Amino acid sequence: MAISRIFASLETVMLPMAGKIAAQRHIMAIRDGFVMVMPFMIIGSFVLIFAYPPFAEDNRFFLARGWLWFAAEYKQQLLTPYNMTMGIISVYICPAIAYCLARHYKLAELNIALLALGAFLLLCCPLTDGVMSATYLGGTGIFTAIIVALLVTELCRMLHQRNIGIRLPEQVPDNIRKSFNQLIPMTLVLLLLFPLSLGIQAVSGMLIPQAIMALFNPLLSASDSLPAVILAVVLCHMLWFAGIHGASIVGGFFQAFWLTNIGLNQINMANGLPPDRIFVEPFWAFFVLMGGSGATIGLVLLYLRSKSAHLRSIGKISLVPAIFNINEPVIFGSPIVMNTLFFIPFILSPMVNGLLGWYAIKYGLIEHIVSIVPWTAPAPVGAAWAAGWDINAALLAILLIFTSIVIYYPFFRIYERSLLAAETLENDPHGNQ
């Protein structure tokens, strides 16, 4: 009866709410903006590993010695690509989000993106003695980048709706007309945001991004906690069970926190300090959801040895996608969606994975995650790569695959028996031996 009430709640309350959240234009713009700048994140994170080799300083292996010497000798040069990508990632995120939201409103995307970037730089890096500080252009400026991008785009939309702009003759080329139309919103941004920034500096001694980080610090700390991992797992898989892409919704909500946390890890690493944040996107992709939502790669491996023809065929179709963390074939082919038999393991498997992964990092069994990796990387490879090529991270990922097999096994056997009975009846409807 409890499960029935849960399903009824999903259908009447959570399903419509989740659908509205997933389609909300600002959330979609933030999600699409992050996707747009993902190559910069991956390249910047990848380069960081070269500057900080995954070897102890006293390692005597000749390749390790050579890498350590090269990294120490040319550290500044090696860090330059990182500094120009992940080191100033907010500079890319702000115009990307503004561009995506402006595209949704059918406004001049590039003009608004550039305006948002100008407003962001105005707030985050004032010129001091001829030098622009990059302190808040990286991970610590992400929340400011999001807020500025949304505010500037909404301001431009409001002016457009009220037909406020500079009137130019029809003979003027369209690109020039669009450019001049940015003069009014640019002036408003300057008149509104710059005095606000100066006022906050005068009262608190902080720049706006510094003040925003101070406001978000409690949330940021809460996002990097075991309860946050459990909440994300439950929400994601409850939505998936109702047929909604839960990982997309949860990822959209947590993305800014994940990126800020990994940015802080990278800042610590670049400053010679130990990383201290655990709940970041690669942790979610390669420890919690390996093989896709529900950590279903264990179930796919069980399907491959099934006596049921249906499950074997699903296993064969799903294996290659599961290796690359894509599991729609097994979720909809089994099916798992709205299949009460798989409700418990579908939530329990990623939850156990999250707990084991969390404590493995917390107690130093594996390294902290410092690199952003494409979520389609096979779990052991992605886990090792994200943790600075820590072999223990790959071994943990393999262990978690076997853990998911153990959790899914009794439910798989029950489902297999029911399908075998149905297949036998279909092949011999009269029950002949």
Protein backbone atom coordinates (compact mmCIF):
# COMPACT_ATOMS: atom_id res chain seq x y z
CA MET A 1 0.00 0.00 0.00
CA ALA A 2 2.90 2.36 0.78
CA ILE A 3 4.37 1.86 -2.70
CA SER A 4 0.95 2.48 -4.25
CA ARG A 5 0.69 5.78 -2.37
CA ILE A 6 4.18 6.73 -3.57
CA PHE A 7 3.20 6.05 -7.20
CA ALA A 8 -0.03 7.99 -6.78
CA SER A 9 1.96 10.93 -5.38
CA LEU A 10 4.38 10.71 -8.29
CA GLU A 11 1.56 10.83 -10.84
CA THR A 12 -0.46 13.61 -9.23
CA VAL A 13 2.19 15.88 -7.68
CA MET A 14 5.80 15.19 -8.62
CA LEU A 15 5.27 14.32 -12.29
CA PRO A 16 3.61 17.62 -13.29
CA MET A 17 5.99 19.59 -11.06
CA ALA A 18 9.08 17.90 -12.50
CA GLY A 19 7.82 18.44 -16.03
CA LYS A 20 7.41 22.17 -15.38
CA ILE A 21 10.86 22.43 -13.77
CA ALA A 22 12.51 20.59 -16.66
CA ALA A 23 10.85 22.93 -19.19
CA GLN A 24 11.49 26.14 -17.21
CA ARG A 25 13.33 28.49 -19.55
CA HIS A 26 15.92 29.76 -17.06
CA ILE A 27 16.85 26.25 -15.92
CA MET A 28 17.08 25.14 -19.56
CA ALA A 29 19.32 28.13 -20.37
CA ILE A 30 21.63 27.35 -17.45
CA ARG A 31 21.81 23.68 -18.42
CA ASP A 32 22.43 24.43 -22.10
CA GLY A 33 24.99 27.09 -21.21
CA PHE A 34 26.99 24.62 -19.14
CA VAL A 35 26.82 22.07 -21.96
CA MET A 36 28.07 24.72 -24.40
CA VAL A 37 31.24 25.39 -22.37
CA MET A 38 31.90 21.73 -21.48
CA PRO A 39 34.87 21.42 -23.90
CA PHE A 40 36.66 24.25 -22.05
CA MET A 41 36.08 22.46 -18.73
CA ILE A 42 37.34 19.11 -20.01
CA ILE A 43 40.46 20.50 -21.70
CA GLY A 44 41.34 22.70 -18.73
CA SER A 45 40.92 19.83 -16.28
CA PHE A 46 42.91 17.46 -18.48
CA VAL A 47 45.85 19.87 -18.71
CA LEU A 48 45.88 20.33 -14.93
CA ILE A 49 46.82 16.65 -14.50
CA PHE A 50 49.95 17.16 -16.60
CA ALA A 51 51.09 19.96 -14.31
CA TYR A 52 50.54 17.80 -11.21
CA PRO A 53 51.71 14.23 -12.00
CA PRO A 54 50.00 11.34 -10.18
CA PHE A 55 53.26 10.21 -8.54
CA ALA A 56 54.87 10.71 -5.15
CA GLU A 57 57.90 13.00 -5.12
CA ASP A 58 60.16 10.10 -4.06
CA ASN A 59 59.00 7.76 -6.87
CA ARG A 60 62.13 6.28 -8.50
CA PHE A 61 60.52 4.89 -11.68
CA PHE A 62 62.25 6.61 -14.61
CA LEU A 63 59.03 7.69 -16.35
CA ALA A 64 57.70 9.14 -13.09
CA ARG A 65 60.99 10.95 -12.45
CA GLY A 66 60.93 12.41 -15.96
CA TRP A 67 57.31 13.57 -15.65
CA LEU A 68 57.92 15.07 -12.20
CA TRP A 69 60.98 16.97 -13.46
CA PHE A 70 59.16 18.22 -16.57
CA ALA A 71 56.13 19.36 -14.54
CA ALA A 72 58.30 21.21 -12.01
CA GLU A 73 60.47 22.83 -14.69
CA TYR A 74 57.62 24.01 -16.91
CA LYS A 75 54.74 24.33 -14.45
CA GLN A 76 53.77 27.87 -15.45
CA GLN A 77 53.70 26.98 -19.13
CA LEU A 78 51.69 23.82 -18.46
CA LEU A 79 49.18 25.76 -16.34
CA THR A 80 48.56 28.40 -19.02
CA PRO A 81 45.87 26.36 -20.89
CA TYR A 82 44.21 25.64 -17.53
CA ASN A 83 44.31 29.31 -16.55
CA MET A 84 42.72 30.28 -19.88
CA THR A 85 39.92 27.67 -19.61
CA MET A 86 38.87 26.34 -16.19
CA GLY A 87 40.79 29.16 -14.50
CA ILE A 88 38.37 31.72 -16.02
CA ILE A 89 35.43 29.40 -16.68
CA SER A 90 32.87 31.97 -15.49
CA VAL A 91 33.91 34.22 -18.39
CA TYR A 92 32.61 31.51 -20.74
CA ILE A 93 29.59 30.49 -18.67
CA CYS A 94 28.06 33.97 -18.37
CA PRO A 95 27.73 34.75 -22.11
CA ALA A 96 26.81 31.13 -22.90
CA ILE A 97 23.79 31.21 -20.54
CA ALA A 98 22.77 34.66 -21.78
CA TYR A 99 23.04 33.42 -25.37
CA CYS A 100 20.83 30.38 -24.68
CA LEU A 101 18.17 32.40 -22.88
CA ALA A 102 18.18 35.12 -25.56
CA ARG A 103 17.79 32.41 -28.21
CA HIS A 104 14.73 31.13 -26.35
CA TYR A 105 13.25 34.66 -26.44
CA LYS A 106 14.27 35.08 -30.12
CA LEU A 107 16.39 38.13 -29.31
CA ALA A 108 19.81 39.14 -30.66
CA GLU A 109 21.77 36.30 -29.00
CA LEU A 110 25.34 37.41 -29.63
CA ASN A 111 24.71 41.05 -28.72
CA ILE A 112 23.08 40.09 -25.42
CA ALA A 113 25.82 37.53 -24.67
CA LEU A 114 28.49 40.22 -25.11
CA LEU A 115 26.49 42.65 -22.98
CA ALA A 116 26.22 40.05 -20.20
CA LEU A 117 29.96 39.39 -20.41
CA GLY A 118 30.68 43.12 -20.12
CA ALA A 119 28.41 43.41 -17.07
CA PHE A 120 30.07 40.37 -15.46
CA LEU A 121 33.57 41.78 -15.95
CA LEU A 122 32.42 45.14 -14.61
CA LEU A 123 31.37 43.49 -11.35
CA CYS A 124 34.08 40.87 -10.95
CA CYS A 125 37.43 42.31 -11.94
CA PRO A 126 37.88 46.06 -11.41
CA LEU A 127 41.17 47.45 -12.64
CA THR A 128 43.68 48.14 -9.85
CA ASP A 129 47.07 49.67 -10.68
CA GLY A 130 46.64 48.62 -14.28
CA VAL A 131 45.94 44.98 -13.35
CA MET A 132 42.65 43.06 -13.61
CA SER A 133 42.20 40.46 -10.88
CA ALA A 134 41.11 37.01 -12.02
CA THR A 135 40.11 35.89 -8.51
CA TYR A 136 36.39 35.65 -9.34
CA LEU A 137 36.61 34.65 -12.99
CA GLY A 138 36.95 30.94 -12.19
CA GLY A 139 34.82 28.60 -10.11
CA THR A 140 34.18 31.18 -7.40
CA GLY A 141 32.42 33.45 -9.91
CA ILE A 142 29.97 30.90 -11.29
CA PHE A 143 26.95 32.00 -9.24
CA THR A 144 27.58 35.64 -10.18
CA ALA A 145 27.92 34.63 -13.85
CA ILE A 146 24.54 32.87 -13.75
CA ILE A 147 22.76 35.75 -12.01
CA VAL A 148 24.23 38.40 -14.31
CA ALA A 149 23.42 36.41 -17.45
CA LEU A 150 19.78 35.98 -16.44
CA LEU A 151 19.33 39.58 -15.25
CA VAL A 152 20.86 41.17 -18.36
CA THR A 153 18.84 38.96 -20.71
CA GLU A 154 15.59 39.66 -18.85
CA LEU A 155 16.36 43.40 -18.96
CA CYS A 156 16.84 43.24 -22.73
CA ARG A 157 13.64 41.24 -23.07
CA MET A 158 11.68 43.81 -21.04
CA LEU A 159 12.97 46.66 -23.23
CA HIS A 160 12.18 44.68 -26.37
CA GLN A 161 8.62 43.94 -25.21
CA ARG A 162 8.03 47.63 -24.50
CA ASN A 163 9.53 48.56 -27.85
CA ILE A 164 12.16 50.72 -26.16
CA GLY A 165 15.18 51.28 -28.34
CA ILE A 166 16.98 53.62 -30.70
CA ARG A 167 14.98 54.19 -33.88
CA LEU A 168 17.07 54.06 -37.01
CA PRO A 169 15.91 54.33 -40.66
CA GLU A 170 15.03 51.14 -42.51
CA GLN A 171 17.98 51.72 -44.82
CA VAL A 172 20.40 51.05 -41.93
CA PRO A 173 21.73 47.44 -42.06
CA ASP A 174 20.12 45.08 -39.59
CA ASN A 175 23.35 44.24 -37.73
CA ILE A 176 24.02 47.96 -37.12
CA ARG A 177 20.44 48.45 -35.88
CA LYS A 178 20.85 45.54 -33.44
CA SER A 179 24.15 46.96 -32.24
CA PHE A 180 22.69 50.40 -31.54
CA ASN A 181 19.74 48.80 -29.76
CA GLN A 182 22.21 47.58 -27.12
CA LEU A 183 23.10 51.15 -26.12
CA ILE A 184 20.06 51.57 -23.88
CA PRO A 185 20.37 48.23 -21.99
CA MET A 186 24.13 48.82 -21.71
CA THR A 187 23.49 52.23 -20.19
CA LEU A 188 20.93 50.77 -17.77
CA VAL A 189 23.34 48.01 -16.75
CA LEU A 190 26.02 50.61 -16.08
CA LEU A 191 23.63 52.85 -14.12
CA LEU A 192 22.14 50.00 -12.07
CA LEU A 193 24.90 47.49 -11.44
CA PHE A 194 27.97 49.68 -11.15
CA PRO A 195 26.60 51.93 -8.35
CA LEU A 196 25.30 48.79 -6.63
CA SER A 197 28.78 47.27 -6.81
CA LEU A 198 30.39 50.44 -5.44
CA GLY A 199 27.81 50.61 -2.64
CA ILE A 200 28.40 46.99 -1.57
CA GLN A 201 32.16 47.59 -1.62
CA ALA A 202 31.76 50.70 0.54
CA VAL A 203 29.49 48.97 3.09
CA SER A 204 31.03 45.50 3.30
CA GLY A 205 34.44 45.84 1.69
CA MET A 206 33.53 43.02 -0.70
CA LEU A 207 33.01 42.81 -4.43
CA ILE A 208 29.60 41.53 -5.56
CA PRO A 209 30.91 38.03 -6.46
CA GLN A 210 32.58 37.83 -3.04
CA ALA A 211 29.30 38.81 -1.36
CA ILE A 212 27.34 36.31 -3.47
CA MET A 213 29.78 33.53 -2.54
CA ALA A 214 29.34 34.46 1.12
CA LEU A 215 25.56 34.15 0.70
CA PHE A 216 25.84 30.83 -1.12
CA ASN A 217 28.45 29.33 1.22
CA PRO A 218 25.87 27.56 3.44
CA LEU A 219 24.23 26.05 0.35
CA LEU A 220 27.63 25.20 -1.12
CA SER A 221 28.63 23.42 2.07
CA ALA A 222 25.30 21.61 2.18
CA SER A 223 25.71 20.53 -1.46
CA ASP A 224 29.01 18.83 -0.59
CA SER A 225 27.56 16.46 1.99
CA LEU A 226 26.35 12.90 2.25
CA PRO A 227 22.70 13.98 2.75
CA ALA A 228 22.98 15.90 -0.55
CA VAL A 229 24.18 12.74 -2.30
CA ILE A 230 21.28 10.72 -0.86
CA LEU A 231 18.75 13.44 -1.73
CA ALA A 232 20.05 13.61 -5.32
CA VAL A 233 19.86 9.81 -5.66
CA VAL A 234 16.30 9.57 -4.33
CA LEU A 235 14.99 12.50 -6.36
CA CYS A 236 16.69 11.39 -9.58
CA HIS A 237 15.43 7.81 -9.39
CA MET A 238 11.93 8.60 -8.20
CA LEU A 239 11.58 10.79 -11.28
CA TRP A 240 13.10 8.16 -13.56
CA PHE A 241 10.71 5.57 -12.14
CA ALA A 242 7.85 7.79 -13.25
CA GLY A 243 9.31 8.02 -16.76
CA ILE A 244 10.98 11.45 -16.40
CA HIS A 245 14.69 11.87 -17.12
CA GLY A 246 15.61 12.41 -13.48
CA ALA A 247 19.35 12.72 -14.09
CA SER A 248 18.76 15.69 -16.37
CA ILE A 249 16.67 17.53 -13.75
CA VAL A 250 18.98 16.75 -10.82
CA GLY A 251 22.03 17.56 -12.91
CA GLY A 252 20.54 20.89 -13.93
CA PHE A 253 19.95 21.81 -10.29
CA PHE A 254 23.33 20.64 -8.95
CA GLN A 255 25.49 21.67 -11.93
CA ALA A 256 26.50 25.07 -10.56
CA PHE A 257 27.36 23.54 -7.16
CA TRP A 258 29.31 20.66 -8.75
CA LEU A 259 31.31 23.00 -10.95
CA THR A 260 32.04 25.40 -8.09
CA ASN A 261 33.17 22.52 -5.87
CA ILE A 262 35.50 21.06 -8.48
CA GLY A 263 36.78 24.56 -9.21
CA LEU A 264 37.66 24.93 -5.52
CA ASN A 265 39.44 21.55 -5.64
CA GLN A 266 41.45 22.73 -8.63
CA ILE A 267 42.31 26.04 -6.96
CA ASN A 268 43.57 24.13 -3.92
CA MET A 269 45.58 21.83 -6.18
CA ALA A 270 47.10 24.74 -8.11
CA ASN A 271 48.09 26.36 -4.79
CA GLY A 272 49.68 23.18 -3.44
CA LEU A 273 46.81 22.49 -1.01
CA PRO A 274 44.87 19.22 -0.70
CA PRO A 275 41.44 19.17 -2.43
CA ASP A 276 38.58 18.80 0.05
CA ARG A 277 35.32 18.65 -1.98
CA ILE A 278 33.74 15.27 -2.74
CA PHE A 279 30.32 15.68 -4.38
CA VAL A 280 31.20 16.82 -7.90
CA GLU A 281 29.90 15.72 -11.28
CA PRO A 282 32.46 12.92 -11.96
CA PHE A 283 31.64 11.45 -8.54
CA TRP A 284 27.98 11.35 -9.61
CA ALA A 285 28.76 9.90 -13.06
CA PHE A 286 31.46 7.33 -12.27
CA PHE A 287 30.69 6.17 -8.74
CA VAL A 288 26.97 6.75 -8.14
CA LEU A 289 25.45 6.24 -11.61
CA MET A 290 27.96 3.99 -13.37
CA GLY A 291 26.30 2.47 -16.39
CA GLY A 292 23.58 5.12 -16.17
CA SER A 293 20.84 5.99 -13.68
CA GLY A 294 20.18 3.17 -11.24
CA ALA A 295 23.75 1.89 -11.71
CA THR A 296 22.15 -0.62 -14.05
CA ILE A 297 25.36 -1.97 -15.58
CA GLY A 298 25.19 -4.78 -13.01
CA LEU A 299 21.69 -5.65 -14.21
CA VAL A 300 22.84 -5.63 -17.85
CA LEU A 301 25.62 -8.08 -17.01
CA LEU A 302 23.06 -10.36 -15.30
CA TYR A 303 20.81 -10.17 -18.36
CA LEU A 304 23.62 -11.47 -20.58
CA ARG A 305 23.54 -14.83 -18.73
CA SER A 306 19.78 -15.00 -18.36
CA LYS A 307 17.77 -18.05 -19.37
CA SER A 308 15.05 -15.73 -20.64
CA ALA A 309 15.37 -14.93 -24.35
CA HIS A 310 13.83 -11.49 -23.78
CA LEU A 311 16.31 -10.52 -21.06
CA ARG A 312 19.29 -11.90 -23.00
CA SER A 313 18.34 -9.80 -26.01
CA ILE A 314 17.95 -6.70 -23.80
CA GLY A 315 21.35 -7.44 -22.25
CA LYS A 316 23.05 -7.70 -25.66
CA ILE A 317 21.44 -4.48 -26.89
CA SER A 318 22.22 -2.61 -23.67
CA LEU A 319 25.82 -3.70 -23.01
CA VAL A 320 27.73 -1.29 -25.24
CA PRO A 321 25.60 1.76 -24.29
CA ALA A 322 25.93 0.79 -20.60
CA ILE A 323 29.72 0.77 -20.86
CA PHE A 324 29.44 4.42 -21.90
CA ASN A 325 26.88 5.24 -19.15
CA ILE A 326 23.82 5.26 -21.43
CA ASN A 327 21.06 3.03 -20.15
CA GLU A 328 17.79 3.97 -21.87
CA PRO A 329 17.75 0.54 -23.63
CA VAL A 330 17.67 -1.37 -20.33
CA ILE A 331 15.41 1.13 -18.54
CA PHE A 332 12.71 1.02 -21.21
CA GLY A 333 13.45 -2.44 -22.59
CA SER A 334 13.16 -4.35 -19.30
CA PRO A 335 11.14 -2.22 -18.48
CA ILE A 336 12.28 -0.64 -15.21
CA VAL A 337 10.02 2.41 -15.47
CA MET A 338 6.93 1.79 -13.32
CA ASN A 339 8.02 -1.82 -12.71
CA THR A 340 7.47 -2.25 -8.96
CA LEU A 341 9.80 -5.27 -8.83
CA PHE A 342 12.82 -3.09 -9.64
CA PHE A 343 11.83 -0.09 -7.50
CA ILE A 344 14.04 -1.07 -4.53
CA PRO A 345 17.28 -2.04 -6.36
CA PHE A 346 16.95 0.88 -8.79
CA ILE A 347 17.27 3.30 -5.84
CA LEU A 348 19.34 1.11 -3.49
CA SER A 349 22.18 0.35 -5.92
CA PRO A 350 23.22 3.97 -6.62
CA MET A 351 22.65 4.87 -2.96
CA VAL A 352 25.06 2.13 -1.79
CA ASN A 353 27.52 3.19 -4.49
CA GLY A 354 27.31 6.78 -3.28
CA LEU A 355 27.91 5.80 0.34
CA LEU A 356 30.91 3.60 -0.51
CA GLY A 357 32.38 6.19 -2.85
CA TRP A 358 31.88 9.00 -0.33
CA TYR A 359 33.64 7.20 2.52
CA ALA A 360 36.40 5.91 0.22
CA ILE A 361 37.31 9.51 -0.64
CA LYS A 362 36.68 10.86 2.87
CA TYR A 363 39.06 8.36 4.47
CA GLY A 364 41.74 8.66 1.81
CA LEU A 365 41.30 5.27 0.14
CA ILE A 366 41.10 7.08 -3.19
CA GLU A 367 42.12 10.59 -4.23
CA HIS A 368 39.73 13.53 -4.41
CA ILE A 369 38.31 14.34 -7.82
CA VAL A 370 40.10 17.21 -9.53
CA SER A 371 39.26 16.80 -13.20
CA ILE A 372 36.10 17.09 -15.28
CA VAL A 373 35.70 14.10 -17.57
CA PRO A 374 33.14 13.39 -20.31
CA TRP A 375 30.32 11.48 -18.59
CA THR A 376 30.35 8.94 -21.43
CA ALA A 377 33.80 7.63 -20.41
CA PRO A 378 33.65 4.02 -19.13
CA ALA A 379 33.34 4.13 -15.35
CA PRO A 380 36.77 2.71 -14.31
CA VAL A 381 38.57 4.93 -16.85
CA GLY A 382 36.50 8.01 -15.99
CA ALA A 383 36.94 7.47 -12.24
CA ALA A 384 40.73 7.15 -12.50
CA TRP A 385 40.98 10.11 -14.89
CA ALA A 386 38.82 12.34 -12.67
CA ALA A 387 40.91 11.49 -9.59
CA GLY A 388 44.24 12.35 -11.27
CA TRP A 389 44.79 8.85 -12.70
CA ASP A 390 44.44 7.19 -9.32
CA ILE A 391 44.35 3.43 -9.93
CA ASN A 392 42.44 2.92 -6.68
CA ALA A 393 39.55 4.95 -8.10
CA ALA A 394 39.34 2.56 -11.07
CA LEU A 395 39.43 -0.44 -8.72
CA LEU A 396 36.64 1.07 -6.62
CA ALA A 397 34.53 1.60 -9.76
CA ILE A 398 34.97 -2.09 -10.65
CA LEU A 399 34.04 -3.08 -7.08
CA LEU A 400 30.89 -0.96 -7.29
CA ILE A 401 29.89 -2.74 -10.50
CA PHE A 402 30.01 -6.05 -8.62
CA THR A 403 28.08 -4.42 -5.75
CA SER A 404 25.29 -3.49 -8.17
CA ILE A 405 25.25 -7.08 -9.48
CA VAL A 406 24.74 -8.37 -5.92
CA ILE A 407 21.95 -5.87 -5.20
CA TYR A 408 20.08 -6.55 -8.45
CA TYR A 409 20.52 -10.33 -8.41
CA PRO A 410 17.54 -11.46 -6.25
CA PHE A 411 15.15 -9.11 -8.08
CA PHE A 412 16.56 -10.21 -11.44
CA ARG A 413 15.94 -13.87 -10.53
CA ILE A 414 12.31 -13.19 -9.59
CA TYR A 415 11.74 -11.26 -12.82
CA GLU A 416 13.51 -13.94 -14.85
CA ARG A 417 11.29 -16.71 -13.43
CA SER A 418 8.13 -14.78 -14.26
CA LEU A 419 9.31 -14.20 -17.83
CA LEU A 420 10.38 -17.81 -18.26
CA ALA A 421 6.93 -18.96 -17.17
CA ALA A 422 5.34 -16.59 -19.67
CA GLU A 423 7.71 -17.70 -22.46
CA THR A 424 7.01 -21.37 -21.71
CA LEU A 425 3.26 -20.77 -21.82
CA GLU A 426 3.60 -18.86 -25.09
CA ASN A 427 5.61 -21.68 -26.71
CA ASP A 428 3.33 -24.41 -25.37
CA PRO A 429 -0.09 -22.90 -24.60
CA HIS A 430 -1.59 -26.37 -23.85
CA GLY A 431 1.09 -27.27 -21.29
CA ASN A 432 2.31 -30.34 -23.21
CA GLN A 433 5.61 -31.87 -22.18
